[in-house]
Amino acid sequence: MKANILVVDDEKDMTRLLQRTLEPEFPCRVTMAFSGEMALNILGQESFDLVICDIKMPGMDGFELLERTRKKYPDLTVVMLSAFGNIESAVSAIKKGAYDFISKPFEQDEIIFKIQKALERSRLLHENKLLLKERQKETLPLIGKSEAMEKVFEKISLVAESDVTVLITGESGTGKDLTARSIHNLSFRKNKSFIPVNCPTIPEHILESELFGYKKGAFTNAYRDKTGLFQAADKGTIFLDEIGDIGPSIQTKLLRVIQEKEIKPLGDTKVETVDVRIIASTNQNLQQKIAQKEFREDFFYRLSVISIELPPLRDRITDIPILCEALLAKHCEKMNKPPKTISEEVMDLLMKQPWIGNVRELENVLIQGILYSKENIIALSDIPVKEAGPKKRGGEEDNQYISFPYREAKEKFLYKFNHDYIGAKLSMTQGNITQAAKLCHMDRQALQQIMKRYGVDPDPFR
């Protein structure tokens, strides 16, 4: 299928040069516009996969066109083009929502490479939308254009073609589940089941029966046969999330599954053969757990035939603008809110944060920005993130309470604290209240009472 590209430049020779450059290289159709106003009119009549827009134009310049395009078509990929290219222009363009920036005059190889990446991004977003509708899921694809993420994508493509066991490592919130889904969706098993298992949320004495199933009478209350998750995943993929939390007994049984492709339901005398691809993940140092005799070494080597290490968000800061774009689109739709963007000041602040909770923490911040913002542009006052630096006594942070009576101040800021704190924990656990309660060091029931008291809804975090 041909890509639809709109080139916007007041220099007609430049638009024709881009048309002659791109159409022989890609299966695409290039439409030309010679002003910002003309481009908006064309965008209103048909859909495009990519807009290449000059910054310096009479009347409506490229930055204004970018802003208006982003408001009306938030998913549209835009690449900025300028003869006056410099670092400041590139940073400004990306902060305002452009996918990439190309300086004029350009080398043909450079522009072909960058346009290929931009079209790939549009294709992924389009495929994801179809996937969301088809499966009624709200999971974003794994997103990034940084060098660190390019290496991850290369490895995903490599392992997807095979059927080896994969171990995905990385900090909480880096996208281990999305990586597992990407591997499955690119594999020959893509039309079969993908069964995720969040190992820490299932007590160990129950986990075995969930994974392998059981026969009627295997234990008290086993009133009927139960199919296990491995059986349900037959011919497909099973994803064992946070494998480092399972005990030695389950490790031994899983090792047999990897080696023999066989399972034995509880209470059964016979084994069953299963054809399942196993992908596992962990945020723990399994080598250290092996040294502490908490994790079987032979099981580790069977799991990590291929390892994929996901970089923390602080090591891929350049991915933050496109992550924000995708996450805002996802949650605005989910919460029935109009499309929102973020201000340049907010983007600048987000790109300076350490992001201990990685993409999941960023997602939580954006969810709160959507909820708190009254306008279609999220401002600094709408997000629970402040400029890093030493806190000064008597400064604005301290004085925020002073203008309120005691009871009103207590109610107002206690409400915001609970929303921010519990929201962050729910974001880290993808809305799982039991796990969030563990992170808060409290019982599930106690956390639920606090959520009810302060109106914290877990659904936006799932």
Protein backbone atom coordinates (compact mmCIF):
# COMPACT_ATOMS: atom_id res chain seq x y z
CA MET A 1 0.00 0.00 0.00
CA LYS A 2 1.36 3.42 -0.98
CA ALA A 3 2.16 5.97 1.71
CA ASN A 4 0.60 9.41 1.33
CA ILE A 5 3.12 12.23 1.92
CA LEU A 6 2.38 15.96 1.99
CA VAL A 7 5.34 18.28 1.28
CA VAL A 8 4.86 21.91 2.33
CA ASP A 9 7.34 24.58 1.12
CA ASP A 10 6.90 28.00 -0.49
CA GLU A 11 9.82 27.15 -2.80
CA LYS A 12 8.16 25.13 -5.57
CA ASP A 13 11.49 23.80 -6.81
CA MET A 14 12.11 22.27 -3.38
CA THR A 15 8.74 20.50 -3.29
CA ARG A 16 9.40 19.07 -6.77
CA LEU A 17 12.90 17.98 -5.72
CA LEU A 18 11.43 16.13 -2.72
CA GLN A 19 8.82 14.53 -4.95
CA ARG A 20 11.51 13.34 -7.41
CA THR A 21 13.65 12.09 -4.51
CA LEU A 22 11.01 10.22 -2.53
CA GLU A 23 8.64 8.67 -5.08
CA PRO A 24 11.31 6.45 -6.70
CA GLU A 25 12.59 5.34 -3.28
CA PHE A 26 9.32 4.50 -1.51
CA PRO A 27 5.94 3.15 -2.53
CA CYS A 28 4.41 6.59 -1.95
CA ARG A 29 2.47 9.46 -3.47
CA VAL A 30 3.78 12.98 -2.80
CA THR A 31 1.29 15.87 -2.71
CA MET A 32 2.65 19.42 -2.83
CA ALA A 33 1.47 22.51 -0.91
CA PHE A 34 3.10 25.94 -1.21
CA SER A 35 1.85 27.58 1.99
CA GLY A 36 0.62 26.70 5.47
CA GLU A 37 -2.92 27.68 4.57
CA MET A 38 -2.88 25.49 1.47
CA ALA A 39 -1.54 22.58 3.52
CA LEU A 40 -4.35 22.86 6.11
CA ASN A 41 -6.91 22.88 3.30
CA ILE A 42 -5.40 19.71 1.76
CA LEU A 43 -5.19 17.98 5.17
CA GLY A 44 -8.90 18.63 5.64
CA GLN A 45 -9.73 16.79 2.42
CA GLU A 46 -7.69 13.57 2.68
CA SER A 47 -5.54 11.63 5.15
CA PHE A 48 -1.75 11.53 5.09
CA ASP A 49 0.91 9.30 6.61
CA LEU A 50 3.56 12.00 6.76
CA VAL A 51 3.94 15.77 6.47
CA ILE A 52 7.33 17.30 5.52
CA CYS A 53 7.12 20.99 6.33
CA ASP A 54 9.52 23.90 5.83
CA ILE A 55 9.94 26.17 8.86
CA LYS A 56 10.59 29.49 7.08
CA MET A 57 7.51 30.43 5.01
CA PRO A 58 5.67 33.71 4.47
CA GLY A 59 2.37 34.07 6.31
CA MET A 60 1.86 30.92 8.37
CA ASP A 61 5.31 29.55 9.12
CA GLY A 62 6.16 25.91 9.74
CA PHE A 63 5.96 26.12 13.54
CA GLU A 64 2.41 27.52 13.40
CA LEU A 65 1.40 24.86 10.88
CA LEU A 66 2.95 22.21 13.14
CA GLU A 67 1.00 23.49 16.15
CA ARG A 68 -2.32 23.61 14.29
CA THR A 69 -1.70 20.20 12.69
CA ARG A 70 -0.83 18.64 16.06
CA LYS A 71 -4.06 19.96 17.60
CA LYS A 72 -6.28 18.65 14.82
CA TYR A 73 -4.35 15.50 13.83
CA PRO A 74 -2.36 14.48 16.96
CA ASP A 75 -1.18 11.15 15.48
CA LEU A 76 0.13 12.62 12.23
CA THR A 77 3.92 12.32 11.80
CA VAL A 78 5.58 15.65 10.94
CA VAL A 79 9.20 16.19 9.85
CA MET A 80 10.47 19.79 9.82
CA LEU A 81 12.73 21.15 7.07
CA SER A 82 14.76 24.37 7.10
CA ALA A 83 17.66 26.06 5.31
CA PHE A 84 18.33 27.85 8.57
CA GLY A 85 18.95 24.61 10.45
CA ASN A 86 20.72 24.67 13.77
CA ILE A 87 20.56 22.86 17.09
CA GLU A 88 18.13 25.40 18.57
CA SER A 89 15.69 24.99 15.67
CA ALA A 90 15.91 21.18 15.90
CA VAL A 91 15.28 21.14 19.66
CA SER A 92 12.42 23.63 19.32
CA ALA A 93 10.80 21.60 16.52
CA ILE A 94 10.97 18.34 18.49
CA LYS A 95 9.64 19.98 21.67
CA LYS A 96 6.70 21.34 19.71
CA GLY A 97 5.83 17.83 18.52
CA ALA A 98 7.81 17.22 15.31
CA TYR A 99 9.07 13.67 14.84
CA ASP A 100 12.37 14.74 13.29
CA PHE A 101 14.27 17.64 11.75
CA ILE A 102 16.22 17.87 8.46
CA SER A 103 18.51 20.75 7.44
CA LYS A 104 18.68 22.13 3.91
CA PRO A 105 20.64 21.47 1.78
CA PHE A 106 20.34 17.79 2.57
CA GLU A 107 22.16 14.68 1.45
CA GLN A 108 19.91 12.23 -0.41
CA ASP A 109 20.95 9.29 1.78
CA GLU A 110 20.18 11.27 4.94
CA ILE A 111 16.67 12.31 3.93
CA ILE A 112 15.81 8.82 2.62
CA PHE A 113 16.93 7.28 5.93
CA LYS A 114 14.96 9.78 8.04
CA ILE A 115 11.81 9.58 5.92
CA GLN A 116 11.99 5.77 6.09
CA LYS A 117 12.02 5.99 9.91
CA ALA A 118 9.15 8.49 9.92
CA LEU A 119 7.01 6.31 7.63
CA GLU A 120 7.80 3.29 9.79
CA ARG A 121 6.55 5.19 12.82
CA SER A 122 3.32 6.08 11.00
CA ARG A 123 2.87 2.48 9.93
CA LEU A 124 3.34 1.21 13.48
CA LEU A 125 0.79 3.69 14.84
CA HIS A 126 -1.68 2.74 12.12
CA GLU A 127 -1.23 -0.98 12.75
CA ASN A 128 -1.61 -0.42 16.45
CA LYS A 129 -4.92 1.38 15.95
CA LEU A 130 -6.20 -1.55 13.92
CA LEU A 131 -4.95 -3.94 16.57
CA LEU A 132 -6.69 -1.96 19.30
CA LYS A 133 -9.98 -2.12 17.46
CA GLU A 134 -9.57 -5.77 16.57
CA ARG A 135 -8.62 -6.99 20.02
CA GLN A 136 -10.24 -4.21 22.07
CA LYS A 137 -6.97 -3.68 23.88
CA GLU A 138 -5.34 -0.43 24.95
CA THR A 139 -1.71 -1.48 24.85
CA LEU A 140 0.66 0.82 22.96
CA PRO A 141 3.36 -0.59 20.73
CA LEU A 142 6.94 -0.37 21.92
CA ILE A 143 7.94 3.14 20.88
CA GLY A 144 11.31 4.83 20.41
CA LYS A 145 13.80 6.17 17.89
CA SER A 146 16.84 6.52 20.16
CA GLU A 147 19.96 4.49 19.48
CA ALA A 148 19.29 2.38 22.60
CA MET A 149 15.80 1.46 21.39
CA GLU A 150 16.99 0.80 17.83
CA LYS A 151 19.21 -1.94 19.28
CA VAL A 152 16.21 -3.38 21.15
CA PHE A 153 14.12 -3.40 17.96
CA GLU A 154 16.91 -5.16 16.06
CA LYS A 155 17.08 -7.87 18.71
CA ILE A 156 13.28 -8.27 18.76
CA SER A 157 13.28 -8.80 14.99
CA LEU A 158 16.08 -11.32 15.34
CA VAL A 159 14.48 -13.46 18.06
CA ALA A 160 10.95 -13.23 16.64
CA GLU A 161 11.99 -15.28 13.62
CA SER A 162 13.16 -18.14 15.84
CA ASP A 163 11.40 -20.06 18.60
CA VAL A 164 14.02 -19.82 21.33
CA THR A 165 13.27 -18.93 24.94
CA VAL A 166 13.81 -15.22 25.67
CA LEU A 167 14.59 -13.42 28.94
CA ILE A 168 13.70 -9.72 29.00
CA THR A 169 15.45 -7.68 31.70
CA GLY A 170 15.07 -4.09 32.79
CA GLU A 171 13.80 -1.81 35.51
CA SER A 172 10.10 -1.60 36.39
CA GLY A 173 8.17 0.44 33.88
CA THR A 174 10.54 0.02 30.92
CA GLY A 175 8.09 -1.98 28.79
CA LYS A 176 8.98 -5.63 29.31
CA ASP A 177 5.39 -6.71 28.64
CA LEU A 178 5.25 -4.68 25.41
CA THR A 179 8.52 -6.25 24.30
CA ALA A 180 7.11 -9.73 24.87
CA ARG A 181 3.96 -8.86 22.89
CA SER A 182 6.10 -7.43 20.08
CA ILE A 183 8.09 -10.67 19.83
CA HIS A 184 4.87 -12.71 19.74
CA ASN A 185 3.21 -10.44 17.16
CA LEU A 186 6.21 -10.73 14.83
CA SER A 187 6.52 -14.50 15.19
CA PHE A 188 4.83 -17.33 13.30
CA ARG A 189 2.69 -17.82 16.44
CA LYS A 190 1.10 -14.35 16.08
CA ASN A 191 -2.35 -15.75 15.25
CA LYS A 192 -2.36 -17.98 18.33
CA SER A 193 -2.78 -17.14 22.01
CA PHE A 194 -0.52 -14.80 23.95
CA ILE A 195 -0.97 -15.64 27.65
CA PRO A 196 0.63 -13.21 30.14
CA VAL A 197 1.20 -14.45 33.71
CA ASN A 198 2.07 -11.90 36.39
CA CYS A 199 3.97 -14.26 38.69
CA PRO A 200 4.22 -12.08 41.87
CA THR A 201 0.45 -11.57 42.05
CA ILE A 202 -0.31 -15.30 42.31
CA PRO A 203 0.56 -17.06 45.61
CA GLU A 204 3.08 -19.85 44.99
CA HIS A 205 0.79 -22.63 46.22
CA ILE A 206 -1.76 -21.52 43.61
CA LEU A 207 0.69 -20.67 40.80
CA GLU A 208 1.48 -24.31 40.02
CA SER A 209 -2.18 -25.23 39.53
CA GLU A 210 -2.73 -22.08 37.42
CA LEU A 211 0.21 -22.88 35.14
CA PHE A 212 -0.26 -26.63 34.75
CA GLY A 213 -3.93 -27.18 35.63
CA TYR A 214 -5.27 -30.00 37.80
CA LYS A 215 -7.55 -33.02 37.78
CA LYS A 216 -10.76 -33.35 39.73
CA GLY A 217 -10.01 -34.46 43.31
CA ALA A 218 -6.33 -33.40 43.18
CA PHE A 219 -6.86 -31.38 46.38
CA THR A 220 -9.65 -30.03 48.56
CA ASN A 221 -12.15 -27.96 46.54
CA ALA A 222 -10.88 -29.40 43.22
CA TYR A 223 -14.40 -30.28 42.14
CA ARG A 224 -13.63 -30.43 38.42
CA ASP A 225 -10.73 -30.59 35.98
CA LYS A 226 -9.02 -27.28 35.31
CA THR A 227 -7.07 -26.41 32.17
CA GLY A 228 -3.72 -24.76 32.94
CA LEU A 229 -2.28 -21.67 31.30
CA PHE A 230 0.32 -23.70 29.43
CA GLN A 231 -2.46 -25.76 27.87
CA ALA A 232 -4.34 -22.58 27.00
CA ALA A 233 -1.19 -21.20 25.33
CA ASP A 234 -0.62 -24.31 23.20
CA LYS A 235 0.74 -23.34 19.74
CA GLY A 236 1.10 -19.78 21.09
CA THR A 237 3.24 -17.87 23.59
CA ILE A 238 3.25 -17.72 27.38
CA PHE A 239 4.81 -14.68 29.04
CA LEU A 240 6.08 -15.26 32.58
CA ASP A 241 6.36 -11.72 33.95
CA GLU A 242 8.76 -11.15 36.87
CA ILE A 243 10.07 -14.70 36.84
CA GLY A 244 12.59 -13.81 39.56
CA ASP A 245 9.83 -13.91 42.17
CA ILE A 246 8.94 -17.60 41.79
CA GLY A 247 10.22 -20.24 44.20
CA PRO A 248 12.57 -23.22 43.59
CA SER A 249 9.76 -25.77 43.31
CA ILE A 250 8.07 -23.98 40.40
CA GLN A 251 11.49 -23.32 38.83
CA THR A 252 12.13 -27.06 38.71
CA LYS A 253 8.78 -27.76 37.03
CA LEU A 254 9.27 -24.95 34.52
CA LEU A 255 12.73 -26.26 33.70
CA ARG A 256 11.11 -29.57 32.72
CA VAL A 257 8.65 -27.75 30.47
CA ILE A 258 11.49 -25.97 28.67
CA GLN A 259 13.55 -29.14 28.29
CA GLU A 260 10.87 -31.72 27.53
CA LYS A 261 7.95 -29.61 26.29
CA GLU A 262 5.79 -31.53 28.76
CA ILE A 263 3.54 -30.60 31.66
CA LYS A 264 1.90 -32.70 34.34
CA PRO A 265 -1.38 -31.37 35.78
CA LEU A 266 -1.78 -31.75 39.54
CA GLY A 267 -3.39 -35.09 40.41
CA ASP A 268 -2.71 -36.58 36.98
CA THR A 269 -0.55 -39.66 36.39
CA LYS A 270 0.21 -38.79 32.78
CA VAL A 271 2.16 -35.98 31.19
CA GLU A 272 0.86 -33.81 28.35
CA THR A 273 2.94 -32.44 25.48
CA VAL A 274 2.60 -28.71 24.82
CA ASP A 275 3.93 -26.57 21.98
CA VAL A 276 4.50 -23.24 23.70
CA ARG A 277 7.05 -20.48 23.20
CA ILE A 278 8.24 -19.17 26.61
CA ILE A 279 9.18 -15.53 27.15
CA ALA A 280 10.12 -14.42 30.67
CA SER A 281 11.01 -11.11 32.28
CA THR A 282 12.57 -9.81 35.45
CA ASN A 283 13.65 -6.54 37.06
CA GLN A 284 15.95 -8.43 39.44
CA ASN A 285 19.59 -9.47 39.26
CA LEU A 286 19.20 -13.20 38.69
CA GLN A 287 22.95 -13.81 38.86
CA GLN A 288 22.88 -12.44 42.39
CA LYS A 289 19.90 -14.63 43.26
CA ILE A 290 21.83 -17.63 41.90
CA ALA A 291 24.75 -16.77 44.19
CA GLN A 292 22.30 -16.60 47.10
CA LYS A 293 20.85 -20.02 46.16
CA GLU A 294 17.45 -18.44 45.44
CA PHE A 295 17.43 -19.16 41.70
CA ARG A 296 18.50 -22.30 39.85
CA GLU A 297 21.50 -21.74 37.61
CA ASP A 298 20.43 -24.36 35.07
CA PHE A 299 16.97 -22.78 34.90
CA PHE A 300 18.55 -19.34 34.33
CA TYR A 301 20.60 -20.57 31.36
CA ARG A 302 17.59 -22.30 29.87
CA LEU A 303 15.57 -19.09 30.18
CA SER A 304 18.21 -16.75 28.81
CA VAL A 305 19.05 -18.42 25.51
CA ILE A 306 18.54 -14.90 24.18
CA SER A 307 18.46 -11.90 26.54
CA ILE A 308 17.02 -8.48 25.76
CA GLU A 309 17.92 -5.68 28.17
CA LEU A 310 15.57 -2.68 28.07
CA PRO A 311 17.17 0.73 28.70
CA PRO A 312 15.77 2.98 31.44
CA LEU A 313 13.97 6.11 30.26
CA ARG A 314 16.78 8.34 31.58
CA ASP A 315 19.05 6.73 28.97
CA ARG A 316 16.63 7.44 26.10
CA ILE A 317 15.46 10.99 26.83
CA THR A 318 15.05 11.76 23.11
CA ASP A 319 12.15 9.27 23.03
CA ILE A 320 10.09 11.32 25.51
CA PRO A 321 8.33 13.55 22.90
CA ILE A 322 6.97 10.61 20.86
CA LEU A 323 6.13 8.67 24.03
CA CYS A 324 4.13 11.66 25.28
CA GLU A 325 2.32 11.93 21.97
CA ALA A 326 1.30 8.27 21.97
CA LEU A 327 0.36 8.15 25.67
CA LEU A 328 -1.73 11.33 25.47
CA ALA A 329 -3.63 9.99 22.47
CA LYS A 330 -4.25 6.68 24.26
CA HIS A 331 -5.54 8.13 27.53
CA CYS A 332 -7.52 11.03 26.05
CA GLU A 333 -9.47 8.47 24.04
CA LYS A 334 -9.78 6.14 27.04
CA MET A 335 -11.09 8.92 29.31
CA ASN A 336 -13.32 10.47 26.61
CA LYS A 337 -11.32 13.70 26.67
CA PRO A 338 -10.59 15.91 23.65
CA PRO A 339 -7.09 15.45 22.19
CA LYS A 340 -4.50 17.25 24.31
CA THR A 341 -0.92 18.34 23.75
CA ILE A 342 1.72 19.57 26.20
CA SER A 343 3.33 22.99 26.32
CA GLU A 344 6.96 23.57 25.40
CA GLU A 345 7.70 24.35 29.06
CA VAL A 346 6.24 21.02 30.17
CA MET A 347 8.20 19.13 27.51
CA ASP A 348 11.40 20.86 28.61
CA LEU A 349 10.72 19.88 32.24
CA LEU A 350 9.84 16.26 31.37
CA MET A 351 13.10 15.85 29.46
CA LYS A 352 15.07 16.86 32.58
CA GLN A 353 13.51 14.36 34.99
CA PRO A 354 15.33 11.24 36.30
CA TRP A 355 12.24 9.03 35.77
CA ILE A 356 12.87 6.44 38.46
CA GLY A 357 9.61 4.70 37.44
CA ASN A 358 10.52 4.94 33.73
CA VAL A 359 7.79 5.02 31.06
CA ARG A 360 5.15 3.94 33.57
CA GLU A 361 5.95 6.96 35.76
CA LEU A 362 5.82 9.25 32.72
CA GLU A 363 2.45 7.73 31.81
CA ASN A 364 1.13 8.43 35.30
CA VAL A 365 2.24 12.09 35.08
CA LEU A 366 0.48 12.50 31.73
CA ILE A 367 -2.72 10.86 33.03
CA GLN A 368 -2.83 13.39 35.84
CA GLY A 369 -2.10 16.18 33.37
CA ILE A 370 -5.11 15.11 31.30
CA LEU A 371 -7.33 14.98 34.39
CA TYR A 372 -6.21 18.32 35.85
CA SER A 373 -5.93 20.43 32.69
CA LYS A 374 -8.87 22.61 31.74
CA GLU A 375 -7.47 23.49 28.30
CA ASN A 376 -6.33 21.35 25.39
CA ILE A 377 -2.69 22.17 26.18
CA ILE A 378 -1.31 20.75 29.43
CA ALA A 379 0.57 23.40 31.41
CA LEU A 380 3.15 23.19 34.19
CA SER A 381 0.45 23.71 36.83
CA ASP A 382 -1.38 20.59 35.57
CA ILE A 383 1.37 18.05 36.26
CA PRO A 384 2.84 16.76 39.56
CA VAL A 385 6.43 17.42 38.44
CA LYS A 386 8.58 20.31 39.56
CA GLU A 387 11.97 21.63 38.53
CA ALA A 388 14.71 19.61 40.20
CA GLY A 389 16.91 21.49 42.66
CA PRO A 390 17.36 22.27 46.35
CA LYS A 391 14.21 23.24 48.20
CA LYS A 392 14.49 26.69 49.77
CA ARG A 393 12.91 27.38 53.10
CA GLY A 394 10.05 29.82 52.84
CA GLY A 395 9.96 29.44 49.06
CA GLU A 396 6.93 29.05 46.82
CA GLU A 397 6.63 25.32 47.61
CA ASP A 398 6.31 26.07 51.34
CA ASN A 399 3.99 29.04 50.85
CA GLN A 400 1.44 27.22 48.72
CA TYR A 401 -0.53 26.36 51.87
CA ILE A 402 -0.41 29.79 53.49
CA SER A 403 -3.29 31.45 51.65
CA PHE A 404 -5.79 28.79 52.83
CA PRO A 405 -7.49 28.33 56.22
CA TYR A 406 -6.14 25.30 58.11
CA ARG A 407 -9.03 22.92 57.44
CA GLU A 408 -9.29 23.92 53.78
CA ALA A 409 -5.51 23.62 53.25
CA LYS A 410 -5.44 20.21 54.93
CA GLU A 411 -8.35 18.95 52.82
CA LYS A 412 -7.04 20.41 49.55
CA PHE A 413 -3.44 19.22 49.77
CA LEU A 414 -4.18 15.91 51.50
CA TYR A 415 -6.54 15.13 48.61
CA LYS A 416 -3.85 16.01 46.03
CA PHE A 417 -1.17 14.06 47.92
CA ASN A 418 -3.29 10.91 47.98
CA HIS A 419 -4.14 11.26 44.29
CA ASP A 420 -0.50 11.79 43.32
CA TYR A 421 1.00 9.16 45.62
CA ILE A 422 -1.54 6.37 45.09
CA GLY A 423 -1.75 7.23 41.40
CA ALA A 424 2.01 6.75 41.09
CA LYS A 425 1.82 3.34 42.80
CA LEU A 426 -1.11 2.23 40.63
CA SER A 427 0.77 3.38 37.55
CA MET A 428 3.80 1.29 38.57
CA THR A 429 1.57 -1.78 38.95
CA GLN A 430 -0.64 -1.06 35.92
CA GLY A 431 -3.69 -0.60 38.13
CA ASN A 432 -3.19 -3.76 40.20
CA ILE A 433 -4.44 -2.79 43.67
CA THR A 434 -2.89 -5.80 45.44
CA GLN A 435 0.57 -4.99 44.10
CA ALA A 436 0.12 -1.27 44.78
CA ALA A 437 -0.80 -2.09 48.39
CA LYS A 438 2.43 -4.07 48.74
CA LEU A 439 4.42 -1.08 47.45
CA CYS A 440 2.62 1.11 50.01
CA HIS A 441 3.38 -1.44 52.77
CA MET A 442 -0.31 -1.79 53.67
CA ASP A 443 -3.16 -4.25 53.30
CA ARG A 444 -5.23 -4.26 50.14
CA GLN A 445 -8.38 -3.42 52.13
CA ALA A 446 -6.71 -0.40 53.76
CA LEU A 447 -5.58 0.93 50.37
CA GLN A 448 -9.06 0.41 48.92
CA GLN A 449 -10.57 2.43 51.78
CA ILE A 450 -8.16 5.31 51.11
CA MET A 451 -8.88 5.14 47.36
CA LYS A 452 -12.61 5.25 48.04
CA ARG A 453 -12.23 8.15 50.50
CA TYR A 454 -10.26 10.27 48.04
CA GLY A 455 -11.94 9.15 44.83
CA VAL A 456 -8.93 7.40 43.26
CA ASP A 457 -10.05 5.30 40.31
CA PRO A 458 -7.67 2.48 39.27
CA ASP A 459 -9.13 2.08 35.77
CA PRO A 460 -7.12 4.85 34.02
CA PHE A 461 -3.91 3.14 35.11
CA ARG A 462 -4.77 -0.27 33.58
